Amino acid sequence: MKKEKGDRLYTVMTVLAVLAFRGHYYFLVIDYNLILLTGLACIVCIAILWLIAFYTAKKKINIGTCIKMTILLYLFCWVAIYSYGFLVQSKKEKQTYVVPLSGYYTRRINGVVFRFEGDKFDRKFDIQELADKHGRDLLDSHEVHLTLKEVLPDVYILII
């Protein structure tokens, strides 16, 4: 019975991790403080839960369980942020940004590398034909056109 509960927890963690990873592909998060604050808030919440359980219920919670719960809460927070972004995107105004192409890769998966508001990002994009035609000149002669909607301060959804 106990192994079955652990399996369910790992299944939920895996599903949330996949959802967070998929959502991350469509979003540009500029402010890394948001990432750190979300993680810190999750740690504080679990620490408070541990203290309440220890002092009021006189039950000791395993540190491994606390770590799993923190990871689960962190992933859930990002899935909630991304879900909110997908829901409100229709009400936000599109903005187009033109940024220089910083790099590209054509191994296994094609993609481009660009800088937006000082942070480096990469996204999958089929550029094999352009890379074959222009070679190294691709960086000098091409730019990336980003169509974005700002769903939260410093959190943009990439319109593909």
N, C-alpha and C. Protein backbone atom coordinates (compact mmCIF):
# COMPACT_ATOMS: atom_id res chain seq x y z
N MET A 1 0.83 -1.20 0.00
CA MET A 1 0.00 0.00 0.00
C MET A 1 0.87 1.26 0.00
N LYS A 2 1.94 1.25 0.81
CA LYS A 2 2.80 2.42 0.90
C LYS A 2 3.54 2.66 -0.42
N LYS A 3 3.97 1.60 -1.10
CA LYS A 3 4.65 1.74 -2.38
C LYS A 3 3.71 2.33 -3.43
N GLU A 4 2.44 1.97 -3.36
CA GLU A 4 1.46 2.49 -4.30
C GLU A 4 1.28 4.00 -4.16
N LYS A 5 1.30 4.51 -2.90
CA LYS A 5 1.21 5.96 -2.68
C LYS A 5 2.43 6.67 -3.24
N GLY A 6 3.61 6.08 -3.05
CA GLY A 6 4.83 6.66 -3.58
C GLY A 6 4.82 6.70 -5.10
N ASP A 7 4.30 5.64 -5.71
CA ASP A 7 4.20 5.60 -7.17
C ASP A 7 3.26 6.69 -7.68
N ARG A 8 2.15 6.91 -7.00
CA ARG A 8 1.22 7.98 -7.40
C ARG A 8 1.87 9.35 -7.29
N LEU A 9 2.64 9.56 -6.21
CA LEU A 9 3.31 10.84 -6.01
C LEU A 9 4.30 11.10 -7.14
N TYR A 10 5.09 10.09 -7.50
CA TYR A 10 6.04 10.26 -8.59
C TYR A 10 5.34 10.45 -9.93
N THR A 11 4.20 9.82 -10.11
CA THR A 11 3.43 10.02 -11.34
C THR A 11 2.94 11.46 -11.43
N VAL A 12 2.41 11.98 -10.32
CA VAL A 12 1.94 13.38 -10.30
C VAL A 12 3.11 14.32 -10.53
N MET A 13 4.25 14.06 -9.90
CA MET A 13 5.43 14.91 -10.09
C MET A 13 5.89 14.88 -11.54
N THR A 14 5.86 13.73 -12.16
CA THR A 14 6.28 13.60 -13.55
C THR A 14 5.33 14.36 -14.48
N VAL A 15 4.04 14.23 -14.26
CA VAL A 15 3.06 14.94 -15.09
C VAL A 15 3.23 16.45 -14.93
N LEU A 16 3.39 16.93 -13.70
CA LEU A 16 3.59 18.37 -13.49
C LEU A 16 4.90 18.84 -14.12
N ALA A 17 5.95 18.02 -14.04
CA ALA A 17 7.23 18.40 -14.64
C ALA A 17 7.10 18.50 -16.15
N VAL A 18 6.40 17.57 -16.77
CA VAL A 18 6.20 17.61 -18.22
C VAL A 18 5.39 18.85 -18.60
N LEU A 19 4.33 19.13 -17.85
CA LEU A 19 3.51 20.32 -18.13
C LEU A 19 4.32 21.60 -17.97
N ALA A 20 5.13 21.68 -16.91
CA ALA A 20 5.96 22.86 -16.69
C ALA A 20 7.00 23.02 -17.80
N PHE A 21 7.58 21.91 -18.23
CA PHE A 21 8.57 21.97 -19.31
C PHE A 21 7.92 22.40 -20.62
N ARG A 22 6.75 21.86 -20.92
CA ARG A 22 6.03 22.24 -22.14
C ARG A 22 5.62 23.71 -22.09
N GLY A 23 5.15 24.17 -20.94
CA GLY A 23 4.77 25.57 -20.80
C GLY A 23 5.97 26.49 -20.92
N HIS A 24 7.11 26.04 -20.42
CA HIS A 24 8.32 26.86 -20.48
C HIS A 24 8.74 27.14 -21.92
N TYR A 25 8.43 26.24 -22.83
CA TYR A 25 8.80 26.43 -24.23
C TYR A 25 8.04 27.60 -24.84
N TYR A 26 6.83 27.87 -24.38
CA TYR A 26 6.00 28.94 -24.95
C TYR A 26 6.15 30.27 -24.22
N PHE A 27 6.89 30.30 -23.14
CA PHE A 27 7.02 31.50 -22.33
C PHE A 27 8.46 31.97 -22.28
N LEU A 28 8.63 33.29 -22.19
CA LEU A 28 9.92 33.89 -21.91
C LEU A 28 9.82 34.54 -20.54
N VAL A 29 10.54 34.01 -19.57
CA VAL A 29 10.55 34.57 -18.22
C VAL A 29 11.82 35.39 -18.09
N ILE A 30 11.65 36.70 -18.01
CA ILE A 30 12.79 37.61 -18.01
C ILE A 30 13.36 37.79 -16.60
N ASP A 31 12.50 37.85 -15.61
CA ASP A 31 12.92 38.15 -14.25
C ASP A 31 13.23 36.85 -13.50
N TYR A 32 14.50 36.59 -13.28
CA TYR A 32 14.89 35.37 -12.57
C TYR A 32 14.54 35.44 -11.08
N ASN A 33 14.28 36.66 -10.58
CA ASN A 33 13.84 36.78 -9.19
C ASN A 33 12.50 36.07 -8.99
N LEU A 34 11.65 36.07 -10.00
CA LEU A 34 10.38 35.36 -9.92
C LEU A 34 10.60 33.86 -9.70
N ILE A 35 11.58 33.31 -10.40
CA ILE A 35 11.90 31.89 -10.24
C ILE A 35 12.41 31.62 -8.84
N LEU A 36 13.32 32.46 -8.37
CA LEU A 36 13.88 32.28 -7.03
C LEU A 36 12.84 32.49 -5.93
N LEU A 37 12.00 33.52 -6.08
CA LEU A 37 10.97 33.77 -5.08
C LEU A 37 9.94 32.65 -5.02
N THR A 38 9.61 32.08 -6.17
CA THR A 38 8.68 30.94 -6.19
C THR A 38 9.28 29.76 -5.44
N GLY A 39 10.54 29.47 -5.69
CA GLY A 39 11.22 28.38 -4.98
C GLY A 39 11.32 28.64 -3.50
N LEU A 40 11.67 29.87 -3.12
CA LEU A 40 11.78 30.22 -1.70
C LEU A 40 10.42 30.14 -1.01
N ALA A 41 9.36 30.59 -1.68
CA ALA A 41 8.02 30.51 -1.10
C ALA A 41 7.61 29.06 -0.87
N CYS A 42 7.96 28.20 -1.79
CA CYS A 42 7.64 26.77 -1.63
C CYS A 42 8.38 26.17 -0.44
N ILE A 43 9.64 26.51 -0.29
CA ILE A 43 10.42 26.01 0.85
C ILE A 43 9.85 26.51 2.16
N VAL A 44 9.49 27.79 2.23
CA VAL A 44 8.91 28.36 3.46
C VAL A 44 7.57 27.69 3.78
N CYS A 45 6.73 27.48 2.77
CA CYS A 45 5.43 26.82 3.01
C CYS A 45 5.61 25.42 3.58
N ILE A 46 6.53 24.66 3.03
CA ILE A 46 6.76 23.30 3.51
C ILE A 46 7.39 23.33 4.90
N ALA A 47 8.26 24.30 5.17
CA ALA A 47 8.86 24.41 6.51
C ALA A 47 7.78 24.73 7.55
N ILE A 48 6.85 25.61 7.21
CA ILE A 48 5.75 25.93 8.12
C ILE A 48 4.87 24.71 8.34
N LEU A 49 4.58 23.98 7.28
CA LEU A 49 3.80 22.74 7.40
C LEU A 49 4.51 21.74 8.32
N TRP A 50 5.83 21.62 8.17
CA TRP A 50 6.60 20.71 9.00
C TRP A 50 6.52 21.13 10.47
N LEU A 51 6.65 22.44 10.73
CA LEU A 51 6.58 22.93 12.11
C LEU A 51 5.20 22.70 12.72
N ILE A 52 4.16 22.95 11.95
CA ILE A 52 2.80 22.72 12.44
C ILE A 52 2.59 21.25 12.76
N ALA A 53 3.01 20.40 11.85
CA ALA A 53 2.84 18.95 12.07
C ALA A 53 3.65 18.49 13.27
N PHE A 54 4.84 19.03 13.45
CA PHE A 54 5.71 18.59 14.54
C PHE A 54 5.21 19.07 15.90
N TYR A 55 4.80 20.34 15.99
CA TYR A 55 4.44 20.90 17.29
C TYR A 55 2.98 20.69 17.68
N THR A 56 2.07 20.66 16.75
CA THR A 56 0.66 20.49 17.12
C THR A 56 0.22 19.04 17.10
N ALA A 57 0.61 18.32 16.07
CA ALA A 57 0.17 16.93 15.97
C ALA A 57 1.20 15.97 16.55
N LYS A 58 2.35 16.47 16.95
CA LYS A 58 3.44 15.67 17.50
C LYS A 58 3.84 14.54 16.55
N LYS A 59 3.74 14.83 15.26
CA LYS A 59 4.14 13.84 14.26
C LYS A 59 5.41 14.33 13.58
N LYS A 60 6.31 13.43 13.37
CA LYS A 60 7.55 13.76 12.70
C LYS A 60 7.39 13.44 11.21
N ILE A 61 7.69 14.43 10.36
CA ILE A 61 7.61 14.23 8.93
C ILE A 61 9.02 13.97 8.40
N ASN A 62 9.14 12.98 7.57
CA ASN A 62 10.41 12.61 6.97
C ASN A 62 10.91 13.75 6.09
N ILE A 63 12.22 14.04 6.13
CA ILE A 63 12.79 15.12 5.34
C ILE A 63 12.65 14.82 3.84
N GLY A 64 12.71 13.56 3.46
CA GLY A 64 12.51 13.18 2.06
C GLY A 64 11.12 13.55 1.58
N THR A 65 10.13 13.36 2.44
CA THR A 65 8.76 13.75 2.11
C THR A 65 8.66 15.25 1.94
N CYS A 66 9.35 16.01 2.79
CA CYS A 66 9.34 17.48 2.68
C CYS A 66 9.97 17.92 1.36
N ILE A 67 11.05 17.27 0.96
CA ILE A 67 11.70 17.63 -0.30
C ILE A 67 10.77 17.32 -1.47
N LYS A 68 10.12 16.15 -1.45
CA LYS A 68 9.18 15.79 -2.51
C LYS A 68 8.02 16.77 -2.57
N MET A 69 7.50 17.16 -1.41
CA MET A 69 6.38 18.10 -1.38
C MET A 69 6.80 19.48 -1.88
N THR A 70 8.04 19.90 -1.58
CA THR A 70 8.54 21.19 -2.07
C THR A 70 8.65 21.18 -3.58
N ILE A 71 9.19 20.11 -4.13
CA ILE A 71 9.30 19.99 -5.60
C ILE A 71 7.92 19.98 -6.23
N LEU A 72 7.01 19.23 -5.63
CA LEU A 72 5.64 19.15 -6.15
C LEU A 72 4.97 20.52 -6.12
N LEU A 73 5.12 21.26 -5.03
CA LEU A 73 4.54 22.59 -4.92
C LEU A 73 5.17 23.56 -5.91
N TYR A 74 6.49 23.48 -6.10
CA TYR A 74 7.18 24.34 -7.05
C TYR A 74 6.68 24.09 -8.47
N LEU A 75 6.59 22.84 -8.86
CA LEU A 75 6.08 22.51 -10.19
C LEU A 75 4.63 22.95 -10.36
N PHE A 76 3.82 22.76 -9.33
CA PHE A 76 2.43 23.18 -9.39
C PHE A 76 2.33 24.69 -9.57
N CYS A 77 3.18 25.45 -8.87
CA CYS A 77 3.16 26.92 -9.01
C CYS A 77 3.46 27.32 -10.44
N TRP A 78 4.46 26.70 -11.08
CA TRP A 78 4.78 27.06 -12.46
C TRP A 78 3.69 26.64 -13.42
N VAL A 79 3.08 25.49 -13.20
CA VAL A 79 1.97 25.09 -14.05
C VAL A 79 0.82 26.09 -13.89
N ALA A 80 0.60 26.56 -12.67
CA ALA A 80 -0.45 27.56 -12.43
C ALA A 80 -0.13 28.88 -13.13
N ILE A 81 1.13 29.32 -13.07
CA ILE A 81 1.54 30.56 -13.74
C ILE A 81 1.37 30.43 -15.25
N TYR A 82 1.81 29.31 -15.81
CA TYR A 82 1.68 29.10 -17.25
C TYR A 82 0.21 28.98 -17.66
N SER A 83 -0.58 28.30 -16.85
CA SER A 83 -2.02 28.17 -17.16
C SER A 83 -2.69 29.54 -17.15
N TYR A 84 -2.35 30.36 -16.16
CA TYR A 84 -2.88 31.71 -16.10
C TYR A 84 -2.49 32.48 -17.37
N GLY A 85 -1.24 32.34 -17.79
CA GLY A 85 -0.77 33.02 -18.99
C GLY A 85 -1.54 32.59 -20.23
N PHE A 86 -1.81 31.29 -20.35
CA PHE A 86 -2.59 30.81 -21.50
C PHE A 86 -4.02 31.33 -21.46
N LEU A 87 -4.59 31.45 -20.26
CA LEU A 87 -5.97 31.91 -20.14
C LEU A 87 -6.14 33.39 -20.45
N VAL A 88 -5.20 34.22 -20.01
CA VAL A 88 -5.36 35.68 -20.19
C VAL A 88 -4.73 36.19 -21.48
N GLN A 89 -4.08 35.33 -22.24
CA GLN A 89 -3.40 35.82 -23.44
C GLN A 89 -4.35 36.45 -24.46
N SER A 90 -5.58 35.99 -24.51
CA SER A 90 -6.51 36.54 -25.49
C SER A 90 -6.88 37.99 -25.17
N LYS A 91 -6.74 38.39 -23.92
CA LYS A 91 -7.08 39.75 -23.51
C LYS A 91 -5.89 40.72 -23.62
N LYS A 92 -4.73 40.19 -23.88
CA LYS A 92 -3.52 41.02 -23.94
C LYS A 92 -3.21 41.42 -25.38
N GLU A 93 -2.50 42.50 -25.50
CA GLU A 93 -2.16 43.05 -26.81
C GLU A 93 -0.85 42.45 -27.32
N LYS A 94 -0.82 42.10 -28.61
CA LYS A 94 0.39 41.55 -29.23
C LYS A 94 1.41 42.66 -29.45
N GLN A 95 2.66 42.31 -29.24
CA GLN A 95 3.76 43.23 -29.52
C GLN A 95 4.80 42.46 -30.32
N THR A 96 5.34 43.09 -31.35
CA THR A 96 6.37 42.45 -32.16
C THR A 96 7.71 43.10 -31.86
N TYR A 97 8.68 42.27 -31.58
CA TYR A 97 10.04 42.73 -31.31
C TYR A 97 10.96 42.13 -32.35
N VAL A 98 11.93 42.91 -32.79
CA VAL A 98 12.94 42.42 -33.72
C VAL A 98 14.26 42.42 -32.98
N VAL A 99 14.87 41.24 -32.86
CA VAL A 99 16.13 41.11 -32.14
C VAL A 99 17.14 40.43 -33.06
N PRO A 100 18.42 40.72 -32.88
CA PRO A 100 19.41 40.08 -33.73
C PRO A 100 19.55 38.59 -33.41
N LEU A 101 19.88 37.83 -34.42
CA LEU A 101 20.14 36.41 -34.26
C LEU A 101 21.50 36.25 -33.59
N SER A 102 21.55 35.62 -32.42
CA SER A 102 22.81 35.45 -31.69
C SER A 102 23.52 34.16 -32.07
N GLY A 103 22.76 33.19 -32.52
CA GLY A 103 23.35 31.91 -32.88
C GLY A 103 22.27 30.97 -33.38
N TYR A 104 22.70 29.80 -33.80
CA TYR A 104 21.75 28.80 -34.26
C TYR A 104 22.39 27.43 -34.11
N TYR A 105 21.57 26.41 -34.16
CA TYR A 105 22.08 25.04 -34.11
C TYR A 105 21.26 24.19 -35.07
N THR A 106 21.94 23.26 -35.71
CA THR A 106 21.28 22.40 -36.69
C THR A 106 21.52 20.93 -36.40
N ARG A 107 22.05 20.60 -35.26
CA ARG A 107 22.27 19.21 -34.89
C ARG A 107 21.00 18.62 -34.31
N ARG A 108 20.61 17.48 -34.73
CA ARG A 108 19.42 16.76 -34.27
C ARG A 108 18.16 17.61 -34.41
N ILE A 109 18.10 18.73 -33.67
CA ILE A 109 16.95 19.63 -33.70
C ILE A 109 17.46 20.99 -34.14
N ASN A 110 16.78 21.61 -35.07
CA ASN A 110 17.17 22.95 -35.52
C ASN A 110 16.62 23.99 -34.55
N GLY A 111 17.38 25.06 -34.36
CA GLY A 111 16.91 26.11 -33.48
C GLY A 111 17.70 27.39 -33.63
N VAL A 112 17.19 28.43 -33.02
CA VAL A 112 17.85 29.74 -33.04
C VAL A 112 18.12 30.18 -31.61
N VAL A 113 19.14 31.00 -31.48
CA VAL A 113 19.51 31.58 -30.19
C VAL A 113 19.41 33.09 -30.35
N PHE A 114 18.77 33.74 -29.39
CA PHE A 114 18.61 35.19 -29.46
C PHE A 114 18.62 35.77 -28.06
N ARG A 115 18.82 37.08 -27.99
CA ARG A 115 18.77 37.80 -26.71
C ARG A 115 17.54 38.69 -26.72
N PHE A 116 16.82 38.65 -25.60
CA PHE A 116 15.66 39.51 -25.44
C PHE A 116 15.75 40.14 -24.06
N GLU A 117 15.77 41.45 -24.02
CA GLU A 117 15.90 42.23 -22.79
C GLU A 117 17.10 41.77 -21.96
N GLY A 118 18.20 41.47 -22.65
CA GLY A 118 19.44 41.14 -21.98
C GLY A 118 19.60 39.67 -21.60
N ASP A 119 18.59 38.86 -21.76
CA ASP A 119 18.68 37.44 -21.41
C ASP A 119 18.73 36.59 -22.68
N LYS A 120 19.47 35.50 -22.60
CA LYS A 120 19.66 34.63 -23.75
C LYS A 120 18.59 33.53 -23.75
N PHE A 121 17.98 33.31 -24.91
CA PHE A 121 16.96 32.28 -25.08
C PHE A 121 17.26 31.49 -26.33
N ASP A 122 16.76 30.28 -26.36
CA ASP A 122 16.82 29.51 -27.60
C ASP A 122 15.49 28.81 -27.80
N ARG A 123 15.09 28.72 -29.04
CA ARG A 123 13.83 28.07 -29.39
C ARG A 123 14.04 27.24 -30.64
N LYS A 124 13.30 26.17 -30.73
CA LYS A 124 13.34 25.31 -31.92
C LYS A 124 12.75 26.07 -33.11
N PHE A 125 13.44 25.97 -34.22
CA PHE A 125 12.96 26.61 -35.44
C PHE A 125 13.71 25.98 -36.60
N ASP A 126 13.02 25.64 -37.66
CA ASP A 126 13.63 24.97 -38.80
C ASP A 126 14.38 25.99 -39.66
N ILE A 127 15.72 25.97 -39.57
CA ILE A 127 16.54 26.91 -40.32
C ILE A 127 17.56 26.19 -41.20
N GLN A 128 17.39 24.91 -41.37
CA GLN A 128 18.39 24.13 -42.12
C GLN A 128 18.63 24.70 -43.51
N GLU A 129 17.57 25.07 -44.22
CA GLU A 129 17.71 25.61 -45.57
C GLU A 129 18.48 26.94 -45.55
N LEU A 130 18.15 27.80 -44.58
CA LEU A 130 18.86 29.08 -44.47
C LEU A 130 20.32 28.87 -44.09
N ALA A 131 20.57 27.94 -43.17
CA ALA A 131 21.95 27.67 -42.75
C ALA A 131 22.77 27.11 -43.91
N ASP A 132 22.16 26.26 -44.73
CA ASP A 132 22.87 25.73 -45.90
C ASP A 132 23.17 26.84 -46.91
N LYS A 133 22.24 27.74 -47.10
CA LYS A 133 22.38 28.79 -48.10
C LYS A 133 23.36 29.89 -47.66
N HIS A 134 23.25 30.32 -46.40
CA HIS A 134 24.03 31.48 -45.95
C HIS A 134 25.26 31.11 -45.12
N GLY A 135 25.28 29.94 -44.50
CA GLY A 135 26.42 29.53 -43.68
C GLY A 135 26.65 30.50 -42.54
N ARG A 136 27.90 30.89 -42.36
CA ARG A 136 28.26 31.79 -41.25
C ARG A 136 27.65 33.18 -41.41
N ASP A 137 27.31 33.58 -42.62
CA ASP A 137 26.71 34.89 -42.86
C ASP A 137 25.29 34.97 -42.30
N LEU A 138 24.74 33.85 -41.88
CA LEU A 138 23.38 33.82 -41.35
C LEU A 138 23.25 34.74 -40.13
N LEU A 139 24.29 34.79 -39.30
CA LEU A 139 24.23 35.63 -38.10
C LEU A 139 24.23 37.11 -38.45
N ASP A 140 24.91 37.49 -39.50
CA ASP A 140 24.99 38.91 -39.87
C ASP A 140 23.78 39.39 -40.65
N SER A 141 23.15 38.49 -41.40
CA SER A 141 22.12 38.94 -42.33
C SER A 141 20.69 38.64 -41.88
N HIS A 142 20.49 38.01 -40.75
CA HIS A 142 19.14 37.65 -40.33
C HIS A 142 18.84 38.11 -38.91
N GLU A 143 17.58 38.29 -38.65
CA GLU A 143 17.12 38.71 -37.33
C GLU A 143 15.91 37.86 -36.94
N VAL A 144 15.58 37.91 -35.67
CA VAL A 144 14.46 37.12 -35.15
C VAL A 144 13.30 38.08 -34.88
N HIS A 145 12.13 37.75 -35.41
CA HIS A 145 10.92 38.53 -35.16
C HIS A 145 10.10 37.79 -34.12
N LEU A 146 9.95 38.40 -32.96
CA LEU A 146 9.20 37.79 -31.87
C LEU A 146 7.84 38.46 -31.74
N THR A 147 6.80 37.67 -31.73
CA THR A 147 5.47 38.19 -31.44
C THR A 147 5.13 37.71 -30.03
N LEU A 148 5.02 38.66 -29.12
CA LEU A 148 4.86 38.33 -27.70
C LEU A 148 3.64 39.05 -27.12
N LYS A 149 3.12 38.45 -26.05
CA LYS A 149 2.11 39.10 -25.23
C LYS A 149 2.61 39.04 -23.79
N GLU A 150 2.62 40.18 -23.13
CA GLU A 150 3.07 40.21 -21.73
C GLU A 150 1.89 39.83 -20.84
N VAL A 151 1.95 38.63 -20.25
CA VAL A 151 0.84 38.13 -19.44
C VAL A 151 1.02 38.47 -17.96
N LEU A 152 2.24 38.63 -17.53
CA LEU A 152 2.59 39.09 -16.19
C LEU A 152 3.81 40.00 -16.35
N PRO A 153 4.11 40.81 -15.35
CA PRO A 153 5.33 41.62 -15.48
C PRO A 153 6.55 40.72 -15.71
N ASP A 154 7.28 40.97 -16.77
CA ASP A 154 8.48 40.22 -17.15
C ASP A 154 8.22 38.75 -17.49
N VAL A 155 6.99 38.40 -17.79
CA VAL A 155 6.64 37.05 -18.28
C VAL A 155 5.86 37.23 -19.57
N TYR A 156 6.43 36.74 -20.66
CA TYR A 156 5.83 36.89 -21.99
C TYR A 156 5.47 35.53 -22.55
N ILE A 157 4.35 35.48 -23.26
CA ILE A 157 4.00 34.27 -23.99
C ILE A 157 4.37 34.48 -25.45
N LEU A 158 5.01 33.49 -26.01
CA LEU A 158 5.48 33.54 -27.39
C LEU A 158 4.38 33.05 -28.31
N ILE A 159 3.95 33.92 -29.22
CA ILE A 159 2.89 33.57 -30.17
C ILE A 159 3.58 32.97 -31.40
N ILE A 160 3.26 31.75 -31.70
CA ILE A 160 3.91 31.05 -32.81
C ILE A 160 3.01 31.06 -34.02
